[in-house]
Protein backbone atom coordinates (compact mmCIF):
# COMPACT_ATOMS: atom_id res chain seq x y z
CA MET A 1 -120.60 109.11 -110.08
CA ARG A 2 -122.43 108.53 -106.63
CA GLU A 3 -119.85 106.86 -105.18
CA VAL A 4 -117.43 109.36 -106.36
CA ASP A 5 -119.64 112.35 -104.72
CA GLU A 6 -120.50 110.00 -101.48
CA ALA A 7 -116.47 109.74 -101.42
CA VAL A 8 -116.04 113.48 -101.83
CA ARG A 9 -118.56 114.50 -98.88
CA GLN A 10 -116.97 111.77 -96.75
CA ASP A 11 -113.74 113.20 -97.03
CA GLU A 12 -115.21 116.86 -96.57
CA MET A 13 -116.63 115.66 -93.25
CA THR A 14 -113.70 113.92 -91.94
CA SER A 15 -111.90 117.36 -92.60
CA LEU A 16 -114.44 119.19 -90.95
CA PHE A 17 -114.17 117.12 -87.85
CA LYS A 18 -110.32 117.04 -88.01
CA ARG A 19 -110.22 120.77 -88.06
CA TYR A 20 -113.22 121.81 -85.72
CA GLY A 21 -114.26 118.26 -84.08
CA VAL A 22 -112.53 119.17 -80.70
CA PRO A 23 -113.24 122.64 -80.42
CA VAL A 24 -117.27 121.71 -80.80
CA ILE A 25 -116.87 118.75 -78.28
CA ALA A 26 -115.04 120.68 -75.99
CA ALA A 27 -117.43 123.80 -76.13
CA VAL A 28 -120.52 121.08 -75.44
CA VAL A 29 -118.57 119.59 -72.35
CA LEU A 30 -117.94 122.97 -70.86
CA GLY A 31 -121.68 124.30 -71.82
CA LEU A 32 -123.22 121.11 -70.08
CA ALA A 33 -120.46 121.46 -67.08
CA GLY A 34 -121.54 124.80 -66.38
CA LEU A 35 -125.26 123.82 -67.01
CA GLY A 36 -124.80 121.12 -63.85
CA GLY A 37 -122.72 123.76 -61.88
CA TYR A 38 -125.58 126.23 -61.99
CA LEU A 39 -128.52 123.54 -61.41
CA TRP A 40 -126.65 122.63 -58.20
CA TRP A 41 -125.97 126.17 -57.26
CA GLU A 42 -129.46 126.67 -57.49
CA THR A 43 -130.62 123.64 -55.61
CA SER A 44 -128.04 124.73 -52.62
CA GLN A 45 -129.10 128.21 -52.79
CA LYS A 46 -132.96 126.88 -51.96
CA ALA A 47 -131.84 124.46 -49.54
CA ALA A 48 -130.04 127.16 -47.71
CA VAL A 49 -133.04 129.31 -47.76
CA ALA A 50 -135.44 126.75 -46.69
CA GLN A 51 -132.94 125.81 -44.00
CA ARG A 52 -132.86 129.59 -42.66
CA GLY A 53 -136.55 129.74 -42.56
CA GLU A 54 -136.57 126.77 -40.59
CA ASP A 55 -134.27 128.13 -37.92
CA PHE A 56 -135.66 131.53 -38.21
CA THR A 57 -139.25 129.80 -37.29
CA MET A 58 -137.48 127.93 -34.27
CA ALA A 59 -136.24 131.23 -33.05
CA LEU A 60 -139.26 132.98 -33.11
CA ASP A 61 -140.79 130.09 -31.19
CA LYS A 62 -138.33 130.43 -28.23
CA ILE A 63 -139.05 134.40 -28.18
CA GLU A 64 -142.86 133.94 -28.02
CA ALA A 65 -142.61 130.96 -25.29
CA GLY A 66 -140.61 134.08 -23.48
CA ASN A 67 -137.22 132.50 -23.74
CA LEU A 68 -135.39 135.55 -25.13
CA ALA A 69 -131.74 134.44 -24.25
CA ALA A 70 -132.21 131.01 -26.22
CA GLY A 71 -134.23 132.98 -29.09
CA ASP A 72 -131.57 135.66 -29.43
CA LYS A 73 -128.80 132.90 -29.64
CA ALA A 74 -130.58 131.25 -32.22
CA LEU A 75 -130.67 134.37 -34.29
CA GLN A 76 -127.27 135.19 -34.16
CA PRO A 77 -126.17 133.12 -36.79
CA LEU A 78 -128.50 134.01 -39.05
CA ALA A 79 -127.98 137.85 -38.10
CA ASP A 80 -124.37 136.92 -38.94
CA LYS A 81 -124.21 134.51 -42.08
CA GLY A 82 -128.06 134.81 -43.31
CA GLY A 83 -129.21 136.24 -46.50
CA SER A 84 -129.90 140.28 -47.07
CA GLY A 85 -133.56 139.68 -45.84
CA SER A 86 -133.11 137.02 -43.15
CA SER A 87 -129.80 138.66 -41.77
CA ALA A 88 -132.07 142.00 -41.16
CA ALA A 89 -134.73 140.58 -39.73
CA ALA A 90 -132.82 138.55 -37.35
CA ARG A 91 -130.99 142.01 -36.44
CA LEU A 92 -134.18 143.64 -36.03
CA LEU A 93 -135.67 141.18 -33.66
CA ARG A 94 -132.31 140.88 -31.73
CA GLY A 95 -132.64 144.58 -31.39
CA GLY A 96 -136.17 144.40 -29.97
CA ILE A 97 -134.88 141.33 -27.59
CA ALA A 98 -131.87 143.77 -26.62
CA LEU A 99 -134.34 146.68 -25.88
CA GLU A 100 -136.46 144.22 -23.83
CA LYS A 101 -133.50 143.58 -21.71
CA GLY A 102 -132.69 147.24 -20.98
CA LYS A 103 -129.56 147.26 -23.14
CA ARG A 104 -130.37 150.19 -25.20
CA ASP A 105 -126.93 151.05 -26.57
CA GLU A 106 -126.70 147.24 -27.96
CA ALA A 107 -130.33 147.81 -29.37
CA VAL A 108 -129.57 151.26 -30.98
CA LYS A 109 -126.45 149.56 -32.55
CA LEU A 110 -128.25 146.66 -34.07
CA PHE A 111 -130.94 148.86 -35.62
CA GLY A 112 -128.12 151.02 -36.88
CA GLN A 113 -126.35 148.14 -38.60
CA VAL A 114 -129.87 147.37 -40.45
CA ALA A 115 -130.36 150.93 -41.52
CA ALA A 116 -126.82 151.05 -42.90
CA ASP A 117 -127.03 147.97 -44.71
CA ALA A 118 -127.18 148.73 -48.32
CA ASP A 119 -128.24 144.89 -48.86
CA ALA A 120 -131.08 144.61 -46.67
CA PRO A 121 -134.58 145.54 -48.40
CA GLN A 122 -135.47 148.97 -48.23
CA ALA A 123 -138.49 148.15 -45.93
CA PHE A 124 -136.43 147.01 -43.21
CA ARG A 125 -133.80 149.33 -43.85
CA ASP A 126 -136.73 152.23 -43.02
CA LEU A 127 -138.06 150.61 -39.95
CA ALA A 128 -134.68 150.05 -38.68
CA THR A 129 -134.32 153.96 -38.78
CA ILE A 130 -137.29 154.43 -37.11
CA ARG A 131 -136.18 152.50 -34.12
CA GLN A 132 -132.80 153.25 -34.06
CA VAL A 133 -134.00 157.16 -33.78
CA ALA A 134 -137.15 156.08 -31.21
CA THR A 135 -134.74 154.30 -28.93
CA GLY A 136 -131.48 156.74 -28.91
CA PHE A 137 -133.52 159.85 -29.55
CA ASP A 138 -132.38 161.39 -26.31
CA SER A 139 -128.71 160.59 -26.65
CA MET A 140 -128.49 161.38 -30.59
CA PRO A 141 -127.44 164.88 -31.79
CA VAL A 142 -130.74 166.54 -33.00
CA ASP A 143 -129.49 167.21 -36.34
CA GLN A 144 -128.79 163.58 -36.89
CA VAL A 145 -131.93 163.03 -35.95
CA VAL A 146 -133.49 165.37 -38.75
CA THR A 147 -131.52 164.35 -41.47
CA LYS A 148 -132.24 160.74 -40.89
CA LEU A 149 -136.02 161.21 -40.49
CA LYS A 150 -136.72 163.96 -43.20
CA PRO A 151 -136.79 161.37 -46.41
CA LEU A 152 -139.47 159.41 -44.26
CA ALA A 153 -141.52 162.25 -43.07
CA VAL A 154 -143.16 163.02 -46.26
CA PRO A 155 -147.14 162.63 -47.03
CA GLY A 156 -147.65 159.67 -48.55
CA ASN A 157 -144.64 157.36 -46.74
CA PRO A 158 -145.83 154.92 -44.95
CA TRP A 159 -143.68 155.92 -42.08
CA PHE A 160 -144.85 159.29 -42.51
CA GLY A 161 -146.60 159.53 -38.97
CA SER A 162 -143.95 157.59 -37.04
CA ALA A 163 -141.08 159.57 -38.45
CA GLY A 164 -143.07 162.52 -38.69
CA GLU A 165 -143.93 163.00 -34.77
CA LEU A 166 -140.07 162.37 -33.98
CA LEU A 167 -139.03 164.69 -36.57
CA GLY A 168 -141.71 167.24 -34.94
CA ILE A 169 -140.06 167.21 -31.57
CA ALA A 170 -136.68 167.31 -33.29
CA TYR A 171 -137.82 170.61 -34.67
CA LEU A 172 -138.81 171.83 -31.48
CA LYS A 173 -135.55 170.76 -29.88
CA GLN A 174 -133.65 173.07 -32.67
CA GLY A 175 -136.26 176.03 -31.88
CA LYS A 176 -138.10 175.64 -35.13
CA PRO A 177 -142.05 175.32 -34.42
CA GLU A 178 -142.54 176.75 -37.48
CA LEU A 179 -141.58 173.44 -38.88
CA ALA A 180 -142.81 171.44 -36.32
CA GLY A 181 -146.89 172.79 -36.42
CA PRO A 182 -147.31 172.11 -39.82
CA LEU A 183 -145.73 168.65 -39.72
CA PHE A 184 -147.86 167.51 -36.84
CA ALA A 185 -151.07 169.21 -38.47
CA ALA A 186 -150.48 167.21 -41.52
CA ILE A 187 -150.16 163.89 -39.43
CA SER A 188 -153.43 164.79 -37.60
CA ARG A 189 -154.82 164.83 -41.07
CA ASP A 190 -153.25 161.32 -42.23
CA LYS A 191 -156.14 158.87 -42.29
CA ASP A 192 -153.68 155.99 -42.66
CA ALA A 193 -151.94 156.99 -39.36
CA PRO A 194 -153.53 155.26 -35.99
CA GLU A 195 -156.04 157.40 -34.48
CA THR A 196 -153.93 157.92 -30.55
CA LEU A 197 -151.08 159.26 -33.09
CA ARG A 198 -153.59 161.59 -34.90
CA ARG A 199 -155.25 162.77 -31.89
CA ARG A 200 -151.67 163.31 -30.27
CA THR A 201 -150.31 165.32 -32.95
CA ARG A 202 -153.64 167.15 -33.61
CA GLN A 203 -153.22 168.71 -29.60
CA LEU A 204 -149.55 169.43 -30.43
CA ALA A 205 -150.29 171.43 -33.82
CA GLY A 206 -152.93 173.34 -31.51
CA LEU A 207 -150.44 173.94 -29.15
CA LEU A 208 -148.61 175.30 -31.46
CA GLY A 209 -151.10 177.67 -32.75
CA VAL A 210 -151.50 175.62 -36.03
CA ASP A 211 -154.97 174.84 -36.91
CA ALA A 212 -155.41 171.16 -37.71
CA ILE A 213 -158.66 171.19 -39.31
CA ASP A 214 -157.77 173.87 -42.17
CA ASP A 215 -157.53 172.89 -45.90
CA PRO A 216 -155.25 169.71 -46.13
CA GLU A 217 -153.55 170.25 -49.32
CA LYS A 218 -152.73 174.11 -48.00
CA ALA A 219 -151.09 172.50 -45.21
CA VAL A 220 -149.42 169.47 -47.23
CA LYS A 221 -147.79 172.04 -49.63
CA GLU A 222 -146.89 174.33 -46.76
CA LEU A 223 -144.91 171.53 -45.09
CA THR A 224 -143.26 170.17 -48.36
CA GLU A 225 -142.11 174.09 -49.21
CA ASN A 226 -140.85 174.50 -45.42
CA GLN A 227 -138.68 171.16 -45.35
CA THR A 228 -137.54 171.93 -48.89
CA ASN A 229 -136.09 175.03 -47.27
């Protein structure tokens, strides 16, 4: 009986293997191939990131040595083909180099590319927006300046001081001192803003008839309501 039982089980295993053996083996092979491909991709990605970091460091060394042309040339491949972070950083630096060389239009273009790049880190996009507006302020339509800066000129935002000062000046160009004054006053009370910026905006607020020493919470509330309207 044991021999018969073993023969039956052997026949069942043989039948199962004939029916499902090939698909199972194929699935295992495909799984191993997929795992191998992923490991290769991960290794190549890490190598590419390391190479970009090395190239970026070399470009920075050239810039710090005062060789702007060589630094700009080294940054261009990173700006064109780098990952979202390294590409944005490279374009920001290239914009700074262009500005240093007096190529204002080129700088505005490079900063604008980063600001509009949805794949770039938000911190880089915000910085690029500030630099784009600050560089091209005189040639940009004032309505465009306001549109770009309003999302950043909010109390609590890291760029509140820089964006707010530019936005306040844009409000003055629009003939809206009632918006500029409270904004300058709010910046002057921002403890995270540089002291020179706080002094400057305090003076501007005073010139516009806004007391920069009054209740901070009231000023922030008033600023938020005005900008919403």
